[in-house]
Amino acid sequence: DEGYKGLQDSSRKPHVSPRRTASMVERLVSKLRKETGYGRRRLAW
């Protein structure tokens, strides 16, 4: 299928992560953490 290149190790990383948290939400969590210093329980609340 791929010639010599096909004999190399291929990445096992998934191409798609449908259940991953949206990047906007990740940025919001990081921003709130920096601003407040709160832990995971209070940030979730």
All heavy atoms as atom14 arrays in JSON, in Angstrom:
{
  "sequence": "DEGYKGLQDSSRKPHVSPRRTASMVERLVSKLRKETGYGRRRLAW",
  "atom14_mask": [
    [1, 1, 1, 1, 1, 1, 1, 1, 0, 0, 0, 0, 0, 0],
    [1, 1, 1, 1, 1, 1, 1, 1, 1, 0, 0, 0, 0, 0],
    [1, 1, 1, 1, 0, 0, 0, 0, 0, 0, 0, 0, 0, 0],
    [1, 1, 1, 1, 1, 1, 1, 1, 1, 1, 1, 1, 0, 0],
    [1, 1, 1, 1, 1, 1, 1, 1, 1, 0, 0, 0, 0, 0],
    [1, 1, 1, 1, 0, 0, 0, 0, 0, 0, 0, 0, 0, 0],
    [1, 1, 1, 1, 1, 1, 1, 1, 0, 0, 0, 0, 0, 0],
    [1, 1, 1, 1, 1, 1, 1, 1, 1, 0, 0, 0, 0, 0],
    [1, 1, 1, 1, 1, 1, 1, 1, 0, 0, 0, 0, 0, 0],
    [1, 1, 1, 1, 1, 1, 0, 0, 0, 0, 0, 0, 0, 0],
    [1, 1, 1, 1, 1, 1, 0, 0, 0, 0, 0, 0, 0, 0],
    [1, 1, 1, 1, 1, 1, 1, 1, 1, 1, 1, 0, 0, 0],
    [1, 1, 1, 1, 1, 1, 1, 1, 1, 0, 0, 0, 0, 0],
    [1, 1, 1, 1, 1, 1, 1, 0, 0, 0, 0, 0, 0, 0],
    [1, 1, 1, 1, 1, 1, 1, 1, 1, 1, 0, 0, 0, 0],
    [1, 1, 1, 1, 1, 1, 1, 0, 0, 0, 0, 0, 0, 0],
    [1, 1, 1, 1, 1, 1, 0, 0, 0, 0, 0, 0, 0, 0],
    [1, 1, 1, 1, 1, 1, 1, 0, 0, 0, 0, 0, 0, 0],
    [1, 1, 1, 1, 1, 1, 1, 1, 1, 1, 1, 0, 0, 0],
    [1, 1, 1, 1, 1, 1, 1, 1, 1, 1, 1, 0, 0, 0],
    [1, 1, 1, 1, 1, 1, 1, 0, 0, 0, 0, 0, 0, 0],
    [1, 1, 1, 1, 1, 0, 0, 0, 0, 0, 0, 0, 0, 0],
    [1, 1, 1, 1, 1, 1, 0, 0, 0, 0, 0, 0, 0, 0],
    [1, 1, 1, 1, 1, 1, 1, 1, 0, 0, 0, 0, 0, 0],
    [1, 1, 1, 1, 1, 1, 1, 0, 0, 0, 0, 0, 0, 0],
    [1, 1, 1, 1, 1, 1, 1, 1, 1, 0, 0, 0, 0, 0],
    [1, 1, 1, 1, 1, 1, 1, 1, 1, 1, 1, 0, 0, 0],
    [1, 1, 1, 1, 1, 1, 1, 1, 0, 0, 0, 0, 0, 0],
    [1, 1, 1, 1, 1, 1, 1, 0, 0, 0, 0, 0, 0, 0],
    [1, 1, 1, 1, 1, 1, 0, 0, 0, 0, 0, 0, 0, 0],
    [1, 1, 1, 1, 1, 1, 1, 1, 1, 0, 0, 0, 0, 0],
    [1, 1, 1, 1, 1, 1, 1, 1, 0, 0, 0, 0, 0, 0],
    [1, 1, 1, 1, 1, 1, 1, 1, 1, 1, 1, 0, 0, 0],
    [1, 1, 1, 1, 1, 1, 1, 1, 1, 0, 0, 0, 0, 0],
    [1, 1, 1, 1, 1, 1, 1, 1, 1, 0, 0, 0, 0, 0],
    [1, 1, 1, 1, 1, 1, 1, 0, 0, 0, 0, 0, 0, 0],
    [1, 1, 1, 1, 0, 0, 0, 0, 0, 0, 0, 0, 0, 0],
    [1, 1, 1, 1, 1, 1, 1, 1, 1, 1, 1, 1, 0, 0],
    [1, 1, 1, 1, 0, 0, 0, 0, 0, 0, 0, 0, 0, 0],
    [1, 1, 1, 1, 1, 1, 1, 1, 1, 1, 1, 0, 0, 0],
    [1, 1, 1, 1, 1, 1, 1, 1, 1, 1, 1, 0, 0, 0],
    [1, 1, 1, 1, 1, 1, 1, 1, 1, 1, 1, 0, 0, 0],
    [1, 1, 1, 1, 1, 1, 1, 1, 0, 0, 0, 0, 0, 0],
    [1, 1, 1, 1, 1, 0, 0, 0, 0, 0, 0, 0, 0, 0],
    [1, 1, 1, 1, 1, 1, 1, 1, 1, 1, 1, 1, 1, 1]
  ],
  "atom14_positions": [
    [[0.81, -1.22, 0.0], [0.0, 0.0, 0.0], [0.84, 1.27, 0.0], [0.54, 2.22, -0.71], [-0.93, 0.03, 1.22], [-2.01, -1.03, 1.16], [-2.22, -1.6, 0.07], [-2.63, -1.29, 2.21], [0.0, 0.0, 0.0], [0.0, 0.0, 0.0], [0.0, 0.0, 0.0], [0.0, 0.0, 0.0], [0.0, 0.0, 0.0], [0.0, 0.0, 0.0]],
    [[1.91, 1.3, 0.81], [2.64, 2.55, 1.03], [4.12, 2.49, 0.66], [4.82, 3.49, 0.78], [2.52, 2.94, 2.51], [1.1, 3.08, 2.99], [1.05, 3.33, 4.48], [1.85, 4.15, 4.98], [0.19, 2.72, 5.15], [0.0, 0.0, 0.0], [0.0, 0.0, 0.0], [0.0, 0.0, 0.0], [0.0, 0.0, 0.0], [0.0, 0.0, 0.0]],
    [[4.61, 1.34, 0.24], [6.02, 1.22, -0.09], [6.88, 1.22, 1.16], [6.45, 0.79, 2.24], [0.0, 0.0, 0.0], [0.0, 0.0, 0.0], [0.0, 0.0, 0.0], [0.0, 0.0, 0.0], [0.0, 0.0, 0.0], [0.0, 0.0, 0.0], [0.0, 0.0, 0.0], [0.0, 0.0, 0.0], [0.0, 0.0, 0.0], [0.0, 0.0, 0.0]],
    [[8.1, 1.71, 1.04], [9.06, 1.7, 2.16], [8.51, 2.45, 3.36], [8.73, 2.06, 4.5], [10.38, 2.32, 1.69], [11.49, 2.24, 2.71], [12.2, 1.06, 2.88], [11.81, 3.33, 3.49], [13.21, 0.97, 3.82], [12.83, 3.26, 4.43], [13.53, 2.07, 4.59], [14.53, 1.99, 5.52], [0.0, 0.0, 0.0], [0.0, 0.0, 0.0]],
    [[7.78, 3.53, 3.12], [7.21, 4.32, 4.21], [6.24, 3.49, 5.06], [6.1, 3.71, 6.27], [6.49, 5.54, 3.65], [5.95, 6.46, 4.71], [5.22, 7.64, 4.09], [4.64, 8.48, 5.2], [3.35, 9.02, 4.88], [0.0, 0.0, 0.0], [0.0, 0.0, 0.0], [0.0, 0.0, 0.0], [0.0, 0.0, 0.0], [0.0, 0.0, 0.0]],
    [[5.57, 2.54, 4.47], [4.62, 1.7, 5.19], [5.26, 0.77, 6.19], [4.59, 0.22, 7.07], [0.0, 0.0, 0.0], [0.0, 0.0, 0.0], [0.0, 0.0, 0.0], [0.0, 0.0, 0.0], [0.0, 0.0, 0.0], [0.0, 0.0, 0.0], [0.0, 0.0, 0.0], [0.0, 0.0, 0.0], [0.0, 0.0, 0.0], [0.0, 0.0, 0.0]],
    [[6.57, 0.58, 6.1], [7.28, -0.29, 7.04], [7.66, 0.44, 8.33], [8.12, -0.19, 9.28], [8.54, -0.87, 6.38], [8.29, -1.72, 5.13], [9.62, -2.19, 4.54], [7.39, -2.89, 5.44], [0.0, 0.0, 0.0], [0.0, 0.0, 0.0], [0.0, 0.0, 0.0], [0.0, 0.0, 0.0], [0.0, 0.0, 0.0], [0.0, 0.0, 0.0]],
    [[7.48, 1.73, 8.37], [7.8, 2.49, 9.58], [6.67, 2.37, 10.58], [5.54, 2.08, 10.23], [8.03, 3.96, 9.22], [9.21, 4.16, 8.3], [9.33, 5.6, 7.84], [8.45, 6.41, 8.08], [10.43, 5.9, 7.17], [0.0, 0.0, 0.0], [0.0, 0.0, 0.0], [0.0, 0.0, 0.0], [0.0, 0.0, 0.0], [0.0, 0.0, 0.0]],
    [[7.0, 2.57, 11.85], [5.98, 2.55, 12.9], [5.0, 3.68, 12.65], [5.39, 4.79, 12.33], [6.61, 2.73, 14.28], [7.42, 1.52, 14.71], [7.1, 0.41, 14.25], [8.36, 1.69, 15.5], [0.0, 0.0, 0.0], [0.0, 0.0, 0.0], [0.0, 0.0, 0.0], [0.0, 0.0, 0.0], [0.0, 0.0, 0.0], [0.0, 0.0, 0.0]],
    [[3.72, 3.38, 12.82], [2.7, 4.42, 12.65], [2.19, 4.85, 14.02], [2.24, 4.1, 14.99], [1.56, 3.91, 11.78], [1.01, 2.74, 12.34], [0.0, 0.0, 0.0], [0.0, 0.0, 0.0], [0.0, 0.0, 0.0], [0.0, 0.0, 0.0], [0.0, 0.0, 0.0], [0.0, 0.0, 0.0], [0.0, 0.0, 0.0], [0.0, 0.0, 0.0]],
    [[1.71, 6.05, 14.08], [1.2, 6.61, 15.33], [-0.06, 5.88, 15.75], [-0.9, 5.51, 14.93], [0.89, 8.1, 15.15], [0.23, 8.59, 16.28], [0.0, 0.0, 0.0], [0.0, 0.0, 0.0], [0.0, 0.0, 0.0], [0.0, 0.0, 0.0], [0.0, 0.0, 0.0], [0.0, 0.0, 0.0], [0.0, 0.0, 0.0], [0.0, 0.0, 0.0]],
    [[-0.22, 5.68, 17.05], [-1.42, 5.05, 17.58], [-2.41, 6.09, 18.08], [-3.45, 5.76, 18.62], [-1.05, 4.1, 18.71], [-0.24, 2.93, 18.21], [0.23, 2.08, 19.35], [1.06, 1.02, 18.86], [0.75, -0.26, 18.91], [-0.38, -0.63, 19.44], [1.55, -1.16, 18.43], [0.0, 0.0, 0.0], [0.0, 0.0, 0.0], [0.0, 0.0, 0.0]],
    [[-2.05, 7.35, 17.92], [-2.92, 8.43, 18.37], [-4.21, 8.42, 17.55], [-4.16, 8.33, 16.32], [-2.2, 9.76, 18.21], [-3.0, 10.96, 18.64], [-2.22, 12.24, 18.42], [-3.07, 13.44, 18.74], [-2.4, 14.68, 18.41], [0.0, 0.0, 0.0], [0.0, 0.0, 0.0], [0.0, 0.0, 0.0], [0.0, 0.0, 0.0], [0.0, 0.0, 0.0]],
    [[-5.35, 8.54, 18.19], [-6.6, 8.54, 17.42], [-6.71, 9.78, 16.54], [-6.24, 10.86, 16.91], [-7.68, 8.53, 18.5], [-7.03, 8.97, 19.75], [-5.57, 8.65, 19.63], [0.0, 0.0, 0.0], [0.0, 0.0, 0.0], [0.0, 0.0, 0.0], [0.0, 0.0, 0.0], [0.0, 0.0, 0.0], [0.0, 0.0, 0.0], [0.0, 0.0, 0.0]],
    [[-7.33, 9.62, 15.4], [-7.52, 10.75, 14.48], [-8.6, 11.7, 14.99], [-8.55, 12.89, 14.73], [-7.89, 10.25, 13.09], [-6.82, 9.41, 12.46], [-5.61, 9.93, 12.05], [-6.76, 8.09, 12.2], [-4.86, 8.97, 11.55], [-5.53, 7.84, 11.63], [0.0, 0.0, 0.0], [0.0, 0.0, 0.0], [0.0, 0.0, 0.0], [0.0, 0.0, 0.0]],
    [[-9.57, 11.16, 15.69], [-10.69, 11.95, 16.18], [-10.97, 11.56, 17.63], [-10.89, 10.39, 17.99], [-11.95, 11.67, 15.33], [-13.14, 12.46, 15.84], [-11.7, 12.0, 13.87], [0.0, 0.0, 0.0], [0.0, 0.0, 0.0], [0.0, 0.0, 0.0], [0.0, 0.0, 0.0], [0.0, 0.0, 0.0], [0.0, 0.0, 0.0], [0.0, 0.0, 0.0]],
    [[-11.29, 12.54, 18.46], [-11.69, 12.3, 19.84], [-13.06, 12.93, 20.05], [-13.17, 14.06, 20.53], [-10.68, 12.91, 20.8], [-9.41, 12.34, 20.63], [0.0, 0.0, 0.0], [0.0, 0.0, 0.0], [0.0, 0.0, 0.0], [0.0, 0.0, 0.0], [0.0, 0.0, 0.0], [0.0, 0.0, 0.0], [0.0, 0.0, 0.0], [0.0, 0.0, 0.0]],
    [[-14.12, 12.22, 19.72], [-15.45, 12.83, 19.76], [-15.92, 13.23, 21.16], [-16.76, 14.1, 21.29], [-16.36, 11.76, 19.17], [-15.61, 10.49, 19.33], [-14.16, 10.85, 19.28], [0.0, 0.0, 0.0], [0.0, 0.0, 0.0], [0.0, 0.0, 0.0], [0.0, 0.0, 0.0], [0.0, 0.0, 0.0], [0.0, 0.0, 0.0], [0.0, 0.0, 0.0]],
    [[-15.38, 12.62, 22.2], [-15.83, 12.93, 23.56], [-14.93, 13.95, 24.25], [-15.12, 14.23, 25.43], [-15.88, 11.65, 24.38], [-16.92, 10.68, 23.83], [-16.98, 9.47, 24.66], [-17.32, 9.84, 26.03], [-17.95, 9.08, 26.88], [-18.31, 7.89, 26.52], [-18.2, 9.49, 28.1], [0.0, 0.0, 0.0], [0.0, 0.0, 0.0], [0.0, 0.0, 0.0]],
    [[-13.95, 14.49, 23.57], [-13.05, 15.45, 24.18], [-13.8, 16.74, 24.5], [-14.67, 17.19, 23.76], [-11.89, 15.76, 23.24], [-10.9, 16.71, 23.87], [-9.67, 16.9, 23.05], [-8.81, 17.85, 23.75], [-7.54, 17.98, 23.5], [-6.97, 17.23, 22.59], [-6.82, 18.85, 24.17], [0.0, 0.0, 0.0], [0.0, 0.0, 0.0], [0.0, 0.0, 0.0]],
    [[-13.44, 17.35, 25.61], [-14.04, 18.6, 26.03], [-13.66, 19.69, 25.03], [-12.52, 19.76, 24.58], [-13.54, 18.98, 27.43], [-13.78, 17.89, 28.31], [-14.24, 20.21, 27.95], [0.0, 0.0, 0.0], [0.0, 0.0, 0.0], [0.0, 0.0, 0.0], [0.0, 0.0, 0.0], [0.0, 0.0, 0.0], [0.0, 0.0, 0.0], [0.0, 0.0, 0.0]],
    [[-14.6, 20.55, 24.7], [-14.37, 21.62, 23.73], [-13.23, 22.53, 24.21], [-13.09, 22.8, 25.4], [-15.63, 22.43, 23.53], [0.0, 0.0, 0.0], [0.0, 0.0, 0.0], [0.0, 0.0, 0.0], [0.0, 0.0, 0.0], [0.0, 0.0, 0.0], [0.0, 0.0, 0.0], [0.0, 0.0, 0.0], [0.0, 0.0, 0.0], [0.0, 0.0, 0.0]],
    [[-12.43, 23.01, 23.26], [-11.28, 23.83, 23.62], [-11.71, 25.13, 24.29], [-11.0, 25.65, 25.17], [-10.43, 24.13, 22.38], [-11.2, 24.79, 21.4], [0.0, 0.0, 0.0], [0.0, 0.0, 0.0], [0.0, 0.0, 0.0], [0.0, 0.0, 0.0], [0.0, 0.0, 0.0], [0.0, 0.0, 0.0], [0.0, 0.0, 0.0], [0.0, 0.0, 0.0]],
    [[-12.88, 25.66, 23.93], [-13.38, 26.87, 24.58], [-13.61, 26.62, 26.07], [-13.26, 27.45, 26.91], [-14.7, 27.31, 23.92], [-15.34, 28.5, 24.57], [-17.07, 28.69, 24.11], [-17.82, 27.38, 25.06], [0.0, 0.0, 0.0], [0.0, 0.0, 0.0], [0.0, 0.0, 0.0], [0.0, 0.0, 0.0], [0.0, 0.0, 0.0], [0.0, 0.0, 0.0]],
    [[-14.17, 25.46, 26.41], [-14.41, 25.12, 27.8], [-13.08, 24.9, 28.52], [-12.9, 25.33, 29.67], [-15.31, 23.86, 27.91], [-15.46, 23.42, 29.35], [-16.67, 24.13, 27.28], [0.0, 0.0, 0.0], [0.0, 0.0, 0.0], [0.0, 0.0, 0.0], [0.0, 0.0, 0.0], [0.0, 0.0, 0.0], [0.0, 0.0, 0.0], [0.0, 0.0, 0.0]],
    [[-12.13, 24.27, 27.87], [-10.81, 24.06, 28.47], [-10.15, 25.4, 28.79], [-9.56, 25.58, 29.86], [-9.92, 23.24, 27.55], [-10.34, 21.8, 27.44], [-9.42, 20.99, 26.56], [-8.41, 21.54, 26.04], [-9.69, 19.79, 26.4], [0.0, 0.0, 0.0], [0.0, 0.0, 0.0], [0.0, 0.0, 0.0], [0.0, 0.0, 0.0], [0.0, 0.0, 0.0]],
    [[-10.25, 26.34, 27.86], [-9.67, 27.67, 28.1], [-10.37, 28.37, 29.27], [-9.73, 29.04, 30.08], [-9.74, 28.52, 26.83], [-8.73, 28.11, 25.77], [-8.61, 29.14, 24.65], [-9.88, 29.39, 23.97], [-10.31, 28.73, 22.91], [-9.58, 27.76, 22.4], [-11.47, 29.03, 22.34], [0.0, 0.0, 0.0], [0.0, 0.0, 0.0], [0.0, 0.0, 0.0]],
    [[-11.69, 28.22, 29.34], [-12.45, 28.82, 30.43], [-12.03, 28.24, 31.77], [-11.84, 28.98, 32.74], [-13.95, 28.62, 30.2], [-14.88, 29.16, 31.29], [-14.71, 30.67, 31.44], [-16.33, 28.8, 30.98], [0.0, 0.0, 0.0], [0.0, 0.0, 0.0], [0.0, 0.0, 0.0], [0.0, 0.0, 0.0], [0.0, 0.0, 0.0], [0.0, 0.0, 0.0]],
    [[-11.87, 26.93, 31.85], [-11.44, 26.29, 33.1], [-10.06, 26.8, 33.5], [-9.83, 27.16, 34.67], [-11.44, 24.75, 32.95], [-10.76, 24.09, 34.14], [-12.85, 24.23, 32.79], [0.0, 0.0, 0.0], [0.0, 0.0, 0.0], [0.0, 0.0, 0.0], [0.0, 0.0, 0.0], [0.0, 0.0, 0.0], [0.0, 0.0, 0.0], [0.0, 0.0, 0.0]],
    [[-9.15, 26.86, 32.55], [-7.8, 27.36, 32.85], [-7.83, 28.81, 33.31], [-7.12, 29.19, 34.26], [-6.9, 27.24, 31.62], [-6.77, 25.89, 31.25], [0.0, 0.0, 0.0], [0.0, 0.0, 0.0], [0.0, 0.0, 0.0], [0.0, 0.0, 0.0], [0.0, 0.0, 0.0], [0.0, 0.0, 0.0], [0.0, 0.0, 0.0], [0.0, 0.0, 0.0]],
    [[-8.64, 29.62, 32.65], [-8.75, 31.03, 33.01], [-9.31, 31.19, 34.43], [-8.78, 31.95, 35.25], [-9.67, 31.75, 32.01], [-9.92, 33.2, 32.31], [-10.87, 33.8, 31.28], [-11.42, 35.08, 31.83], [-12.82, 35.25, 31.61], [0.0, 0.0, 0.0], [0.0, 0.0, 0.0], [0.0, 0.0, 0.0], [0.0, 0.0, 0.0], [0.0, 0.0, 0.0]],
    [[-10.39, 30.44, 34.74], [-10.97, 30.51, 36.08], [-9.98, 30.04, 37.14], [-9.91, 30.61, 38.23], [-12.25, 29.67, 36.14], [-13.46, 30.23, 35.42], [-14.59, 29.21, 35.39], [-13.92, 31.53, 36.06], [0.0, 0.0, 0.0], [0.0, 0.0, 0.0], [0.0, 0.0, 0.0], [0.0, 0.0, 0.0], [0.0, 0.0, 0.0], [0.0, 0.0, 0.0]],
    [[-9.21, 29.03, 36.83], [-8.22, 28.52, 37.78], [-7.18, 29.59, 38.09], [-6.81, 29.82, 39.24], [-7.57, 27.26, 37.22], [-6.38, 26.75, 37.98], [-6.77, 26.29, 39.38], [-5.63, 25.73, 40.06], [-5.58, 24.54, 40.6], [-6.64, 23.77, 40.55], [-4.5, 24.11, 41.17], [0.0, 0.0, 0.0], [0.0, 0.0, 0.0], [0.0, 0.0, 0.0]],
    [[-6.7, 30.28, 37.04], [-5.69, 31.34, 37.24], [-6.25, 32.51, 38.01], [-5.58, 33.09, 38.86], [-5.15, 31.81, 35.89], [-4.22, 30.82, 35.23], [-3.76, 31.31, 33.88], [-2.97, 30.23, 33.17], [-2.67, 30.56, 31.79], [0.0, 0.0, 0.0], [0.0, 0.0, 0.0], [0.0, 0.0, 0.0], [0.0, 0.0, 0.0], [0.0, 0.0, 0.0]],
    [[-7.49, 32.86, 37.7], [-8.1, 34.02, 38.36], [-8.44, 33.74, 39.83], [-8.28, 34.6, 40.68], [-9.39, 34.43, 37.63], [-9.15, 35.05, 36.29], [-10.45, 35.33, 35.54], [-11.54, 34.98, 36.06], [-10.38, 35.89, 34.44], [0.0, 0.0, 0.0], [0.0, 0.0, 0.0], [0.0, 0.0, 0.0], [0.0, 0.0, 0.0], [0.0, 0.0, 0.0]],
    [[-8.95, 32.54, 40.1], [-9.47, 32.26, 41.44], [-8.55, 31.39, 42.29], [-8.55, 31.51, 43.51], [-10.83, 31.55, 41.35], [-10.64, 30.28, 40.7], [-11.83, 32.38, 40.58], [0.0, 0.0, 0.0], [0.0, 0.0, 0.0], [0.0, 0.0, 0.0], [0.0, 0.0, 0.0], [0.0, 0.0, 0.0], [0.0, 0.0, 0.0], [0.0, 0.0, 0.0]],
    [[-7.79, 30.51, 41.65], [-6.96, 29.57, 42.39], [-7.76, 28.42, 43.0], [-7.25, 27.65, 43.79], [0.0, 0.0, 0.0], [0.0, 0.0, 0.0], [0.0, 0.0, 0.0], [0.0, 0.0, 0.0], [0.0, 0.0, 0.0], [0.0, 0.0, 0.0], [0.0, 0.0, 0.0], [0.0, 0.0, 0.0], [0.0, 0.0, 0.0], [0.0, 0.0, 0.0]],
    [[-9.04, 28.3, 42.63], [-9.91, 27.27, 43.16], [-9.51, 25.89, 42.63], [-8.91, 25.77, 41.56], [-11.37, 27.52, 42.81], [-11.98, 28.73, 43.48], [-13.04, 29.39, 42.89], [-11.51, 29.21, 44.69], [-13.63, 30.49, 43.49], [-12.08, 30.31, 45.3], [-13.13, 30.95, 44.71], [-13.7, 32.03, 45.3], [0.0, 0.0, 0.0], [0.0, 0.0, 0.0]],
    [[-9.92, 24.87, 43.36], [-9.67, 23.49, 42.96], [-10.76, 22.97, 42.05], [-11.7, 23.69, 41.69], [0.0, 0.0, 0.0], [0.0, 0.0, 0.0], [0.0, 0.0, 0.0], [0.0, 0.0, 0.0], [0.0, 0.0, 0.0], [0.0, 0.0, 0.0], [0.0, 0.0, 0.0], [0.0, 0.0, 0.0], [0.0, 0.0, 0.0], [0.0, 0.0, 0.0]],
    [[-10.65, 21.7, 41.73], [-11.54, 21.1, 40.74], [-13.0, 21.09, 41.19], [-13.89, 21.32, 40.39], [-11.09, 19.69, 40.41], [-11.1, 18.78, 41.59], [-10.5, 17.45, 41.28], [-10.37, 16.72, 42.54], [-10.39, 15.43, 42.63], [-10.51, 14.72, 41.55], [-10.26, 14.84, 43.78], [0.0, 0.0, 0.0], [0.0, 0.0, 0.0], [0.0, 0.0, 0.0]],
    [[-13.26, 20.84, 42.47], [-14.64, 20.76, 42.96], [-15.34, 22.11, 42.83], [-16.45, 22.23, 42.32], [-14.65, 20.29, 44.41], [-16.06, 20.17, 44.96], [-16.05, 19.58, 46.35], [-15.65, 18.18, 46.23], [-15.15, 17.46, 47.21], [-14.95, 18.0, 48.39], [-14.83, 16.2, 47.03], [0.0, 0.0, 0.0], [0.0, 0.0, 0.0], [0.0, 0.0, 0.0]],
    [[-14.68, 23.15, 43.29], [-15.3, 24.48, 43.24], [-15.39, 24.99, 41.8], [-16.38, 25.64, 41.44], [-14.51, 25.46, 44.11], [-15.29, 26.76, 44.33], [-14.65, 27.66, 45.31], [-14.81, 27.14, 46.66], [-14.28, 27.71, 47.73], [-13.56, 28.79, 47.61], [-14.45, 27.18, 48.92], [0.0, 0.0, 0.0], [0.0, 0.0, 0.0], [0.0, 0.0, 0.0]],
    [[-14.39, 24.69, 40.98], [-14.46, 25.1, 39.58], [-15.63, 24.43, 38.87], [-16.35, 25.07, 38.09], [-13.15, 24.78, 38.86], [-11.96, 25.68, 39.19], [-10.7, 25.16, 38.52], [-12.22, 27.12, 38.8], [0.0, 0.0, 0.0], [0.0, 0.0, 0.0], [0.0, 0.0, 0.0], [0.0, 0.0, 0.0], [0.0, 0.0, 0.0], [0.0, 0.0, 0.0]],
    [[-15.84, 23.14, 39.14], [-16.97, 22.44, 38.53], [-18.28, 23.08, 38.97], [-19.21, 23.25, 38.17], [-16.94, 20.96, 38.91], [0.0, 0.0, 0.0], [0.0, 0.0, 0.0], [0.0, 0.0, 0.0], [0.0, 0.0, 0.0], [0.0, 0.0, 0.0], [0.0, 0.0, 0.0], [0.0, 0.0, 0.0], [0.0, 0.0, 0.0], [0.0, 0.0, 0.0]],
    [[-18.36, 23.47, 40.23], [-19.56, 24.11, 40.76], [-19.79, 25.47, 40.09], [-20.9, 25.81, 39.69], [-19.42, 24.26, 42.28], [-20.59, 24.91, 42.92], [-21.82, 24.38, 43.16], [-20.64, 26.26, 43.39], [-22.62, 25.3, 43.76], [-21.92, 26.48, 43.91], [-19.72, 27.31, 43.43], [-22.3, 27.7, 44.46], [-20.1, 28.5, 43.98], [-21.39, 28.68, 44.49]]
  ]
}
